[in-house]
N, C-alpha and C. Protein backbone atom coordinates (compact mmCIF):
# COMPACT_ATOMS: atom_id res chain seq x y z
N UNK A 1 -147.89 17.95 66.37
CA UNK A 1 -146.56 17.45 65.71
C UNK A 1 -145.62 15.79 65.81
N UNK A 2 -146.63 14.92 64.92
CA UNK A 2 -144.75 13.61 65.44
C UNK A 2 -143.47 13.85 65.32
N UNK A 3 -142.49 13.52 65.87
CA UNK A 3 -141.53 13.67 65.53
C UNK A 3 -141.00 11.33 65.92
N UNK A 4 -140.42 11.15 65.03
CA UNK A 4 -139.84 9.87 65.48
C UNK A 4 -138.36 9.09 65.51
N UNK A 5 -137.90 8.93 66.42
CA UNK A 5 -136.67 8.70 66.05
C UNK A 5 -136.13 7.39 66.20
N UNK A 6 -134.95 7.48 65.29
CA UNK A 6 -134.31 6.49 64.85
C UNK A 6 -132.86 6.40 65.62
N UNK A 7 -132.38 5.18 65.81
CA UNK A 7 -131.26 5.47 66.78
C UNK A 7 -130.21 4.12 66.16
N UNK A 8 -128.89 4.62 65.32
CA UNK A 8 -128.27 3.70 64.72
C UNK A 8 -127.16 3.18 65.12
N UNK A 9 -126.95 1.75 65.64
CA UNK A 9 -126.38 1.39 66.66
C UNK A 9 -126.37 0.05 65.70
N UNK A 10 -125.93 0.17 64.58
CA UNK A 10 -125.32 -1.57 63.38
C UNK A 10 -123.96 -1.62 63.49
N UNK A 11 -123.07 -0.53 64.13
CA UNK A 11 -121.87 -0.95 63.56
C UNK A 11 -120.52 -1.48 64.40
N UNK A 12 -119.58 -1.72 63.91
CA UNK A 12 -119.15 -2.79 64.93
C UNK A 12 -118.04 -2.40 65.67
N UNK A 13 -117.71 -1.29 65.80
CA UNK A 13 -117.43 -0.62 66.76
C UNK A 13 -115.87 -1.44 66.32
N UNK A 14 -114.97 -1.48 65.56
CA UNK A 14 -113.74 -1.60 64.87
C UNK A 14 -112.50 -1.70 65.55
N UNK A 15 -112.67 0.29 65.40
CA UNK A 15 -111.36 0.78 66.30
C UNK A 15 -111.42 0.47 67.36
N UNK A 16 -112.27 0.60 68.63
CA UNK A 16 -112.61 0.82 70.03
C UNK A 16 -112.33 -1.01 70.48
N UNK A 17 -112.41 -1.93 69.89
CA UNK A 17 -112.04 -3.46 69.90
C UNK A 17 -113.19 -4.35 70.74
N UNK A 18 -114.63 -3.72 71.43
CA UNK A 18 -115.11 -4.09 71.95
C UNK A 18 -116.96 -3.23 71.48
N UNK A 19 -117.53 -4.09 71.74
CA UNK A 19 -118.72 -3.16 70.98
C UNK A 19 -119.52 -1.79 72.27
N UNK A 20 -119.08 -0.73 71.25
CA UNK A 20 -119.79 0.27 72.32
C UNK A 20 -120.70 0.85 72.92
N UNK A 21 -121.70 0.10 72.11
CA UNK A 21 -122.59 0.22 72.73
C UNK A 21 -123.71 -0.39 74.24
N UNK A 22 -122.22 -1.22 74.18
CA UNK A 22 -122.24 -1.92 75.89
C UNK A 22 -120.89 -0.79 76.50
N UNK A 23 -120.77 -0.16 75.96
CA UNK A 23 -119.80 0.75 77.09
C UNK A 23 -120.85 1.07 78.64
N UNK A 24 -120.45 0.99 79.70
CA UNK A 24 -121.23 1.61 80.50
C UNK A 24 -120.58 3.07 80.98
N UNK A 25 -122.17 4.01 81.15
CA UNK A 25 -121.43 5.44 81.58
C UNK A 25 -122.86 5.57 82.63
N UNK A 26 -122.03 5.80 83.51
CA UNK A 26 -123.42 6.28 84.73
C UNK A 26 -124.50 5.14 84.99
N UNK A 27 -123.76 4.21 85.29
CA UNK A 27 -124.77 2.86 85.52
C UNK A 27 -125.33 2.36 83.95
N UNK A 28 -125.09 2.38 83.39
CA UNK A 28 -125.92 2.17 82.08
C UNK A 28 -125.26 1.96 80.99
N UNK A 29 -125.13 1.23 79.96
CA UNK A 29 -124.76 0.76 78.78
C UNK A 29 -125.55 2.59 78.14
N UNK A 30 -124.59 2.47 76.37
CA UNK A 30 -124.69 3.76 76.40
C UNK A 30 -126.26 3.24 75.25
N UNK A 31 -125.94 2.38 75.05
CA UNK A 31 -127.63 1.73 73.80
C UNK A 31 -128.80 2.49 75.31
N UNK A 32 -128.83 1.40 76.31
CA UNK A 32 -129.20 2.07 77.15
C UNK A 32 -129.95 3.52 77.17
N UNK A 33 -129.09 4.12 77.58
CA UNK A 33 -129.09 5.64 77.92
C UNK A 33 -129.66 6.24 76.89
N UNK A 34 -129.16 5.79 75.34
CA UNK A 34 -129.81 6.81 74.16
C UNK A 34 -131.40 6.04 73.90
N UNK A 35 -131.81 5.13 74.34
CA UNK A 35 -132.75 4.73 74.00
C UNK A 35 -133.77 5.61 75.23
N UNK A 36 -133.00 5.39 76.16
CA UNK A 36 -134.38 6.18 77.32
C UNK A 36 -134.23 7.62 77.17
N UNK A 37 -133.23 8.30 76.74
CA UNK A 37 -133.65 9.69 76.31
C UNK A 37 -134.34 9.39 75.33
N UNK A 38 -133.93 8.92 73.94
CA UNK A 38 -135.50 9.17 73.04
C UNK A 38 -136.86 9.08 73.26
N UNK A 39 -137.04 7.86 74.64
CA UNK A 39 -138.78 7.76 74.15
C UNK A 39 -138.76 8.54 75.28
N UNK A 40 -138.18 9.51 76.20
CA UNK A 40 -138.42 10.75 76.85
C UNK A 40 -139.27 11.80 75.83
N UNK A 41 -138.59 11.44 74.46
CA UNK A 41 -139.24 12.55 73.66
C UNK A 41 -140.57 12.49 72.74
N UNK A 42 -140.09 10.83 72.49
CA UNK A 42 -141.20 10.68 71.46
C UNK A 42 -141.66 9.23 71.62
N UNK A 43 -142.94 8.95 70.97
CA UNK A 43 -143.57 7.59 70.82
C UNK A 43 -143.31 6.58 69.83
N UNK A 44 -142.21 7.14 68.73
CA UNK A 44 -141.88 5.88 68.25
C UNK A 44 -140.65 5.65 67.78
N UNK A 45 -139.44 5.43 68.35
CA UNK A 45 -138.23 4.93 68.64
C UNK A 45 -137.75 3.82 68.25
N UNK A 46 -136.87 3.39 66.77
CA UNK A 46 -136.45 2.23 65.89
C UNK A 46 -134.97 2.85 66.36
N UNK A 47 -134.69 1.59 66.54
CA UNK A 47 -133.37 1.27 67.12
C UNK A 47 -132.31 0.13 66.04
N UNK A 48 -131.77 0.57 65.25
CA UNK A 48 -130.94 0.24 64.20
C UNK A 48 -130.26 -1.41 64.47
N UNK A 49 -129.64 -2.44 64.70
CA UNK A 49 -129.08 -3.38 65.03
C UNK A 49 -128.17 -4.10 63.39
N UNK A 50 -126.88 -4.73 64.10
CA UNK A 50 -126.22 -5.29 63.58
C UNK A 50 -125.47 -5.81 63.25
N UNK A 51 -124.06 -5.70 63.74
CA UNK A 51 -122.98 -6.15 64.43
C UNK A 51 -122.97 -6.16 65.72
N UNK A 52 -122.84 -7.48 66.29
CA UNK A 52 -123.17 -7.77 67.58
C UNK A 52 -124.15 -8.24 68.24
N UNK A 53 -125.18 -8.18 67.51
CA UNK A 53 -127.29 -8.00 67.99
C UNK A 53 -127.48 -9.06 69.10
N UNK A 54 -126.51 -10.13 69.04
CA UNK A 54 -126.89 -10.51 70.19
C UNK A 54 -126.91 -10.75 71.43
N UNK A 55 -125.74 -9.44 71.41
CA UNK A 55 -125.16 -9.08 72.43
C UNK A 55 -125.74 -8.00 73.12
N UNK A 56 -126.31 -7.08 71.91
CA UNK A 56 -127.14 -5.85 72.30
C UNK A 56 -128.23 -5.55 72.50
N UNK A 57 -129.04 -7.14 71.80
CA UNK A 57 -130.47 -6.81 71.81
C UNK A 57 -131.27 -7.05 73.20
N UNK A 58 -130.25 -8.19 73.76
CA UNK A 58 -131.05 -8.46 75.49
C UNK A 58 -131.00 -6.75 76.73
N UNK A 59 -129.87 -6.12 76.19
CA UNK A 59 -130.12 -4.39 77.31
C UNK A 59 -131.18 -4.13 76.45
N UNK A 60 -131.64 -4.20 75.31
CA UNK A 60 -133.30 -3.67 74.85
C UNK A 60 -134.43 -4.22 75.73
N UNK A 61 -134.71 -5.25 76.39
CA UNK A 61 -135.67 -5.80 76.46
C UNK A 61 -136.70 -5.06 77.72
N UNK A 62 -135.88 -4.10 78.57
CA UNK A 62 -136.50 -3.18 79.50
C UNK A 62 -137.62 -2.25 78.53
N UNK A 63 -137.13 -2.53 77.06
CA UNK A 63 -137.80 -1.22 76.41
C UNK A 63 -138.73 -1.66 75.06
N UNK A 64 -138.79 -3.74 75.14
CA UNK A 64 -139.19 -4.02 74.49
C UNK A 64 -140.71 -3.23 73.71
N UNK A 65 -142.30 -3.16 74.91
CA UNK A 65 -142.66 -2.99 74.22
C UNK A 65 -143.01 -1.71 73.66
N UNK A 66 -142.23 -1.06 73.77
CA UNK A 66 -141.86 0.56 73.32
C UNK A 66 -141.40 0.95 71.94
N UNK A 67 -140.10 0.03 71.90
CA UNK A 67 -139.12 0.51 70.46
C UNK A 67 -139.34 -0.93 69.65
N UNK A 68 -139.01 -0.11 68.29
CA UNK A 68 -139.19 -1.21 67.02
C UNK A 68 -137.99 -1.55 66.89
N UNK A 69 -137.04 -2.52 67.23
CA UNK A 69 -135.77 -3.01 67.16
C UNK A 69 -135.61 -3.54 65.41
N UNK A 70 -134.75 -3.07 64.63
CA UNK A 70 -135.05 -3.45 63.37
C UNK A 70 -133.37 -3.86 63.47
N UNK A 71 -133.14 -5.30 62.52
CA UNK A 71 -131.75 -5.55 62.16
C UNK A 71 -131.15 -5.57 61.00
N UNK A 72 -129.76 -5.25 60.63
CA UNK A 72 -129.96 -4.76 59.34
C UNK A 72 -128.70 -5.57 59.06
N UNK A 73 -128.98 -6.63 58.40
CA UNK A 73 -128.36 -7.74 57.36
C UNK A 73 -127.36 -7.42 57.10
N UNK A 74 -127.00 -6.18 56.67
CA UNK A 74 -126.45 -5.59 55.52
C UNK A 74 -125.34 -4.34 56.07
N UNK A 75 -124.74 -4.36 57.35
CA UNK A 75 -124.57 -2.76 58.75
C UNK A 75 -122.99 -2.66 58.07
N UNK A 76 -122.65 -3.92 57.54
CA UNK A 76 -120.97 -3.83 57.51
C UNK A 76 -120.81 -3.06 56.06
N UNK A 77 -122.27 -2.99 55.14
CA UNK A 77 -122.39 -2.21 53.93
C UNK A 77 -122.32 -0.16 54.46
N UNK A 78 -122.14 -0.10 55.77
CA UNK A 78 -122.11 1.34 55.75
C UNK A 78 -123.46 2.00 56.93
N UNK A 79 -123.12 3.55 57.17
CA UNK A 79 -124.43 4.01 57.76
C UNK A 79 -125.94 4.61 56.99
N UNK A 80 -125.53 4.32 55.88
CA UNK A 80 -126.15 4.87 54.49
C UNK A 80 -127.02 3.43 54.66
N UNK A 81 -127.10 2.43 54.86
CA UNK A 81 -127.85 1.33 54.95
C UNK A 81 -128.39 1.23 56.13
N UNK A 82 -128.00 2.09 57.42
CA UNK A 82 -129.20 1.50 58.34
C UNK A 82 -130.33 3.19 58.27
N UNK A 83 -129.53 3.99 57.69
CA UNK A 83 -130.91 5.13 57.57
C UNK A 83 -131.58 4.56 56.66
N UNK A 84 -131.01 3.94 55.64
CA UNK A 84 -132.25 3.75 54.63
C UNK A 84 -133.30 3.20 55.54
N UNK A 85 -133.12 1.63 55.78
CA UNK A 85 -133.72 0.78 56.12
C UNK A 85 -134.83 1.50 57.82
N UNK A 86 -133.75 1.93 58.47
CA UNK A 86 -134.52 2.70 59.54
C UNK A 86 -135.99 3.98 58.84
N UNK A 87 -135.69 4.28 58.26
CA UNK A 87 -136.73 5.30 57.38
C UNK A 87 -138.02 4.23 56.15
N UNK A 88 -137.55 3.12 56.07
CA UNK A 88 -138.45 2.45 55.40
C UNK A 88 -139.02 1.96 56.87
N UNK A 89 -138.89 2.04 57.86
CA UNK A 89 -139.97 1.32 58.87
C UNK A 89 -140.37 2.60 59.63
N UNK A 90 -140.29 3.67 59.28
CA UNK A 90 -141.23 4.57 60.10
C UNK A 90 -142.94 4.58 59.70
N UNK A 91 -143.84 5.01 61.15
CA UNK A 91 -144.84 5.45 60.15
C UNK A 91 -144.50 6.30 59.47
N UNK A 92 -146.06 5.65 58.87
CA UNK A 92 -146.19 6.97 57.80
C UNK A 92 -146.81 8.79 58.45
N UNK A 93 -147.11 8.51 59.51
CA UNK A 93 -147.82 9.44 59.91
C UNK A 93 -146.66 10.26 60.51
N UNK A 94 -145.54 10.18 60.33
CA UNK A 94 -144.48 10.74 61.29
C UNK A 94 -144.52 12.40 60.48
N UNK A 95 -144.14 13.10 61.34
CA UNK A 95 -143.50 14.79 60.70
C UNK A 95 -142.54 14.94 60.33
N UNK A 96 -141.61 14.16 60.74
CA UNK A 96 -140.36 14.43 60.99
C UNK A 96 -139.32 13.44 62.05
N UNK A 97 -137.99 13.29 61.81
CA UNK A 97 -137.33 11.83 62.30
C UNK A 97 -135.94 12.90 63.33
N UNK A 98 -135.84 12.50 64.09
CA UNK A 98 -134.04 12.76 64.75
C UNK A 98 -133.24 11.50 64.53
N UNK A 99 -132.38 11.72 63.61
CA UNK A 99 -131.40 10.44 63.58
C UNK A 99 -130.37 10.97 64.68
N UNK A 100 -130.25 9.69 65.86
CA UNK A 100 -129.06 9.38 66.65
C UNK A 100 -127.84 8.79 66.17
N UNK A 101 -127.21 8.60 66.73
CA UNK A 101 -125.75 7.85 66.83
C UNK A 101 -125.43 6.88 68.41
N UNK A 102 -125.69 5.71 68.89
CA UNK A 102 -125.77 5.12 69.83
C UNK A 102 -124.26 6.08 70.64
N UNK A 103 -123.07 6.25 70.19
CA UNK A 103 -122.35 6.55 70.91
C UNK A 103 -121.68 8.41 71.32
N UNK A 104 -122.97 8.69 71.38
CA UNK A 104 -122.72 10.30 72.10
C UNK A 104 -123.28 10.31 73.59
N UNK A 105 -122.52 9.94 74.20
CA UNK A 105 -123.12 10.00 75.47
C UNK A 105 -123.62 11.05 76.48
N UNK A 106 -123.44 12.69 75.59
CA UNK A 106 -124.08 13.36 76.54
C UNK A 106 -125.15 14.13 75.50
N UNK A 107 -125.83 12.90 74.88
CA UNK A 107 -126.98 13.33 74.03
C UNK A 107 -128.39 13.89 74.96
N UNK A 108 -129.19 14.66 75.68
CA UNK A 108 -130.08 15.09 76.75
C UNK A 108 -131.45 15.03 76.08
N UNK A 109 -132.61 14.81 76.68
CA UNK A 109 -133.51 15.57 76.61
C UNK A 109 -133.97 16.24 76.33
N UNK A 110 -132.97 17.47 77.17
CA UNK A 110 -133.47 18.63 77.24
C UNK A 110 -133.01 19.26 75.19
N UNK A 111 -131.68 19.11 75.19
CA UNK A 111 -131.39 18.50 73.78
C UNK A 111 -131.71 18.33 72.37
N UNK A 112 -132.69 17.28 72.81
CA UNK A 112 -133.64 16.42 71.59
C UNK A 112 -134.79 16.98 72.02
N UNK A 113 -135.60 18.00 72.85
CA UNK A 113 -136.30 18.97 72.60
C UNK A 113 -136.37 20.16 72.13
N UNK A 114 -135.34 20.74 72.40
CA UNK A 114 -134.70 22.50 71.99
C UNK A 114 -134.94 21.97 70.32
N UNK A 115 -134.44 20.42 69.98
CA UNK A 115 -134.25 20.53 68.47
C UNK A 115 -135.97 20.83 68.00
N UNK A 116 -136.70 19.81 68.76
CA UNK A 116 -137.85 19.70 67.55
C UNK A 116 -138.92 21.16 67.65
N UNK A 117 -137.97 21.55 69.62
CA UNK A 117 -138.88 22.80 69.42
C UNK A 117 -138.68 24.18 68.61
N UNK A 118 -137.25 23.86 67.69
CA UNK A 118 -136.79 25.02 66.80
C UNK A 118 -137.60 24.39 65.13
N UNK A 119 -137.52 23.15 65.31
CA UNK A 119 -138.58 22.69 64.41
C UNK A 119 -139.58 23.30 63.77
N UNK A 120 -140.57 22.89 64.85
CA UNK A 120 -141.77 23.78 64.91
C UNK A 120 -142.32 24.99 65.20
N UNK A 121 -141.03 25.65 65.31
CA UNK A 121 -141.27 27.52 65.56
C UNK A 121 -140.26 27.94 64.91
N UNK A 122 -139.09 27.48 64.29
CA UNK A 122 -138.47 28.54 62.85
C UNK A 122 -138.85 28.05 61.75
N UNK A 123 -139.38 26.49 61.50
CA UNK A 123 -140.17 25.88 60.25
C UNK A 123 -138.62 25.97 58.96
N UNK A 124 -137.67 25.61 59.85
CA UNK A 124 -136.45 25.17 59.03
C UNK A 124 -136.84 23.65 58.56
N UNK A 125 -136.38 23.13 57.67
CA UNK A 125 -136.59 21.19 57.42
C UNK A 125 -135.71 20.64 57.54
N UNK A 126 -134.63 21.78 58.07
CA UNK A 126 -132.94 20.55 58.71
C UNK A 126 -132.96 21.00 60.04
N UNK A 127 -132.86 20.45 60.70
CA UNK A 127 -132.62 20.92 62.48
C UNK A 127 -131.16 20.19 62.81
N UNK A 128 -129.79 20.95 63.05
CA UNK A 128 -128.52 19.69 63.18
C UNK A 128 -127.82 20.68 64.36
N UNK A 129 -126.74 19.82 64.85
CA UNK A 129 -126.24 20.28 65.89
C UNK A 129 -125.13 20.87 65.62
N UNK A 130 -124.56 21.88 66.23
CA UNK A 130 -123.65 22.53 65.91
C UNK A 130 -121.92 22.44 67.56
N UNK A 131 -121.04 21.50 66.73
CA UNK A 131 -119.77 21.73 67.51
C UNK A 131 -119.28 22.44 67.83
N UNK A 132 -119.12 23.43 66.87
CA UNK A 132 -118.45 24.74 67.50
C UNK A 132 -117.96 25.33 65.98
N UNK A 133 -117.50 24.85 65.11
CA UNK A 133 -117.34 24.28 63.81
C UNK A 133 -117.58 23.61 63.05
N UNK A 134 -117.85 22.64 62.76
CA UNK A 134 -118.89 21.93 62.20
C UNK A 134 -120.44 21.25 62.64
N UNK A 135 -121.22 21.11 61.74
CA UNK A 135 -122.80 20.72 61.86
C UNK A 135 -122.81 18.50 62.22
N UNK A 136 -123.30 18.51 62.54
CA UNK A 136 -123.23 16.71 62.97
C UNK A 136 -124.48 16.24 63.43
N UNK A 137 -124.52 14.96 64.00
CA UNK A 137 -125.23 14.71 64.52
C UNK A 137 -125.83 14.59 66.05
N UNK A 138 -127.19 14.53 66.83
CA UNK A 138 -128.88 14.44 66.56
C UNK A 138 -128.68 15.41 65.57
N UNK A 139 -129.68 14.91 64.58
CA UNK A 139 -130.11 15.76 63.30
C UNK A 139 -131.48 15.75 63.28
N UNK A 140 -132.60 16.63 62.81
CA UNK A 140 -133.69 16.75 62.68
C UNK A 140 -134.43 16.66 61.63
N UNK A 141 -134.80 15.88 60.78
CA UNK A 141 -135.19 16.05 59.60
C UNK A 141 -136.79 16.30 58.95
N UNK A 142 -137.52 17.19 57.97
CA UNK A 142 -138.35 17.05 57.93
C UNK A 142 -138.53 15.49 57.01
N UNK A 143 -139.92 15.25 56.84
CA UNK A 143 -140.45 14.15 55.80
C UNK A 143 -140.29 14.34 55.01
N UNK A 144 -140.33 15.46 54.41
CA UNK A 144 -139.60 15.76 52.98
C UNK A 144 -139.05 15.39 52.46
N UNK A 145 -137.69 15.03 53.56
CA UNK A 145 -136.68 14.31 53.36
C UNK A 145 -136.65 12.52 52.93
N UNK A 146 -137.62 12.26 53.41
CA UNK A 146 -137.66 11.12 53.73
C UNK A 146 -137.44 10.00 52.53
N UNK A 147 -137.78 10.55 51.23
CA UNK A 147 -137.52 9.75 50.14
C UNK A 147 -136.03 9.61 50.17
N UNK A 148 -135.34 10.48 50.14
CA UNK A 148 -134.28 11.12 49.46
C UNK A 148 -133.26 10.39 51.00
N UNK A 149 -133.48 10.38 51.91
CA UNK A 149 -133.50 9.41 53.10
C UNK A 149 -133.03 8.14 52.93
N UNK A 150 -134.04 7.94 52.55
CA UNK A 150 -134.16 5.98 51.91
C UNK A 150 -133.54 5.76 51.00
N UNK A 151 -132.99 6.41 50.12
CA UNK A 151 -132.10 6.17 49.30
C UNK A 151 -130.04 5.75 49.33
N UNK A 152 -129.97 6.66 50.39
CA UNK A 152 -128.69 6.34 51.29
C UNK A 152 -127.97 4.74 50.94
N UNK A 153 -127.33 5.50 50.67
CA UNK A 153 -126.57 3.69 50.48
C UNK A 153 -125.24 3.81 51.27
N UNK A 154 -124.31 2.40 51.53
CA UNK A 154 -122.89 3.02 51.96
C UNK A 154 -123.24 3.59 52.81
N UNK A 155 -121.40 4.10 52.43
CA UNK A 155 -120.82 4.93 53.75
C UNK A 155 -121.95 5.98 53.84
N UNK A 156 -122.76 6.66 53.35
CA UNK A 156 -123.50 8.17 53.07
C UNK A 156 -124.48 8.38 54.47
N UNK A 157 -123.82 9.03 55.13
CA UNK A 157 -124.39 9.64 56.27
C UNK A 157 -125.55 11.08 55.87
N UNK A 158 -125.72 11.67 57.02
CA UNK A 158 -125.68 12.83 56.49
C UNK A 158 -125.05 14.07 56.23
N UNK A 159 -124.15 13.97 56.02
CA UNK A 159 -123.47 15.07 55.77
C UNK A 159 -123.25 15.36 54.38
N UNK A 160 -124.23 15.01 53.42
CA UNK A 160 -124.49 15.03 52.08
C UNK A 160 -125.54 16.33 52.51
N UNK A 161 -125.99 16.16 52.99
CA UNK A 161 -127.32 17.36 53.18
C UNK A 161 -126.67 18.72 53.81
N UNK A 162 -125.73 18.22 54.29
CA UNK A 162 -124.92 19.69 54.97
C UNK A 162 -124.86 20.47 53.82
N UNK A 163 -124.08 19.84 52.30
CA UNK A 163 -123.49 20.33 51.36
C UNK A 163 -124.54 21.33 50.55
N UNK A 164 -125.44 20.22 50.52
CA UNK A 164 -126.64 20.37 49.00
C UNK A 164 -127.69 20.79 50.15
N UNK A 165 -127.85 21.17 51.57
CA UNK A 165 -129.72 22.13 51.50
C UNK A 165 -128.55 22.99 52.71
N UNK A 166 -127.71 23.40 52.87
CA UNK A 166 -127.19 24.46 53.77
C UNK A 166 -127.90 25.87 53.85
N UNK A 167 -128.84 26.07 53.09
CA UNK A 167 -129.93 27.46 53.34
C UNK A 167 -131.24 26.98 53.74
N UNK A 168 -131.17 25.50 53.88
CA UNK A 168 -132.36 24.93 54.81
C UNK A 168 -132.30 24.59 55.81
N UNK A 169 -131.25 24.72 56.77
CA UNK A 169 -130.49 24.12 58.06
C UNK A 169 -130.39 25.24 59.20
N UNK A 170 -131.19 24.94 60.04
CA UNK A 170 -130.80 26.00 61.21
C UNK A 170 -129.72 24.85 62.68
N UNK A 171 -129.35 25.76 62.91
CA UNK A 171 -127.80 24.55 64.26
C UNK A 171 -128.87 25.34 65.57
N UNK A 172 -127.93 24.62 66.52
CA UNK A 172 -128.48 24.08 67.88
C UNK A 172 -126.62 23.61 68.18
N UNK A 173 -126.58 24.83 69.04
CA UNK A 173 -125.29 24.67 69.70
C UNK A 173 -124.95 23.39 70.80
N UNK A 174 -124.30 22.29 70.28
CA UNK A 174 -124.20 20.78 71.23
C UNK A 174 -122.39 21.13 71.27
N UNK A 175 -122.05 21.89 72.52
CA UNK A 175 -120.56 21.69 72.02
C UNK A 175 -119.99 19.96 72.51
N UNK A 176 -120.71 19.00 73.65
CA UNK A 176 -120.32 17.96 73.57
C UNK A 176 -120.75 17.28 72.61
N UNK A 177 -121.08 17.26 71.42
CA UNK A 177 -121.17 16.79 70.61
C UNK A 177 -120.19 16.39 69.85
N UNK A 178 -119.09 16.53 69.93
CA UNK A 178 -117.48 16.67 69.38
C UNK A 178 -116.80 15.05 70.54
N UNK A 179 -117.88 15.10 71.09
CA UNK A 179 -117.25 14.06 72.25
C UNK A 179 -118.14 12.19 71.47
N UNK A 180 -117.40 11.37 71.11
CA UNK A 180 -118.22 10.30 71.14
C UNK A 180 -117.13 8.98 71.15
N UNK A 181 -117.67 8.24 71.42
CA UNK A 181 -116.53 7.11 71.51
C UNK A 181 -116.24 5.64 70.33
N UNK A 182 -114.92 6.15 70.04
CA UNK A 182 -114.72 6.02 68.59
C UNK A 182 -113.37 4.98 68.78
N UNK A 183 -112.65 4.90 69.73
CA UNK A 183 -110.96 4.49 70.24
C UNK A 183 -111.11 4.01 71.61
N UNK A 184 -110.03 3.42 71.90
CA UNK A 184 -109.52 3.11 73.71
C UNK A 184 -110.05 4.78 74.71
N UNK A 185 -108.87 5.49 73.52
CA UNK A 185 -108.44 6.91 74.35
C UNK A 185 -109.56 7.28 74.57
N UNK A 186 -110.76 7.59 73.83
CA UNK A 186 -112.39 8.11 73.74
C UNK A 186 -112.73 7.10 75.11
N UNK A 187 -112.72 6.29 75.08
CA UNK A 187 -113.53 5.32 76.32
C UNK A 187 -112.50 5.96 77.38
N UNK A 188 -111.19 5.34 77.83
CA UNK A 188 -110.21 6.25 78.63
C UNK A 188 -110.77 7.94 79.47
N UNK A 189 -110.79 8.40 78.86
CA UNK A 189 -111.46 9.27 78.38
C UNK A 189 -112.97 9.84 79.15
N UNK A 190 -113.80 8.76 79.13
CA UNK A 190 -115.48 9.02 79.24
C UNK A 190 -115.17 8.51 80.81
N UNK A 191 -114.57 7.14 80.57
CA UNK A 191 -114.72 6.36 82.64
C UNK A 191 -114.20 7.77 83.29
N UNK A 192 -112.77 8.43 82.40
CA UNK A 192 -112.13 9.26 83.83
C UNK A 192 -113.39 10.91 84.08
N UNK A 193 -114.62 10.80 83.58
CA UNK A 193 -115.43 11.74 84.21
C UNK A 193 -116.34 11.75 85.08
């Protein structure tokens, strides 16, 4: 079974006031951390960049022969544009895709392996993360959803799938998923850990 990983890192981090992809945590930038984690579970890793690409892309040079960096010229159009672009660039032999965000510092290899194992064993076409009372990313989609994911536009992310396919979703506990880097306050919390 081949599961690809799609990392969404095209946003401008307007609320943070600096590119969140370049925030350092435990000695590495968030974009380096998430790319390293993704490569620990998959041979096909795609990273969608947009805003600040000239600053962020050099941080990925160490992985350049193992990842596919895609530039989203329409990144201001919203997350849906990055998902659509990423899915359109996946290898045709992929059985599924895990969608990750660069700003969740606590995504681990173990979490992603658990998602893949659950997908393989439980046969649910969507494996999402449960933050305690809400579902969110990381999220794994079976390839049967690729056409629908490719049609996403604008700000549409995975949330519409939670509503439309609630019976087809199995979830994994990921309480630390609630923690992401959106504001200067979030950044202060992270640096104090």
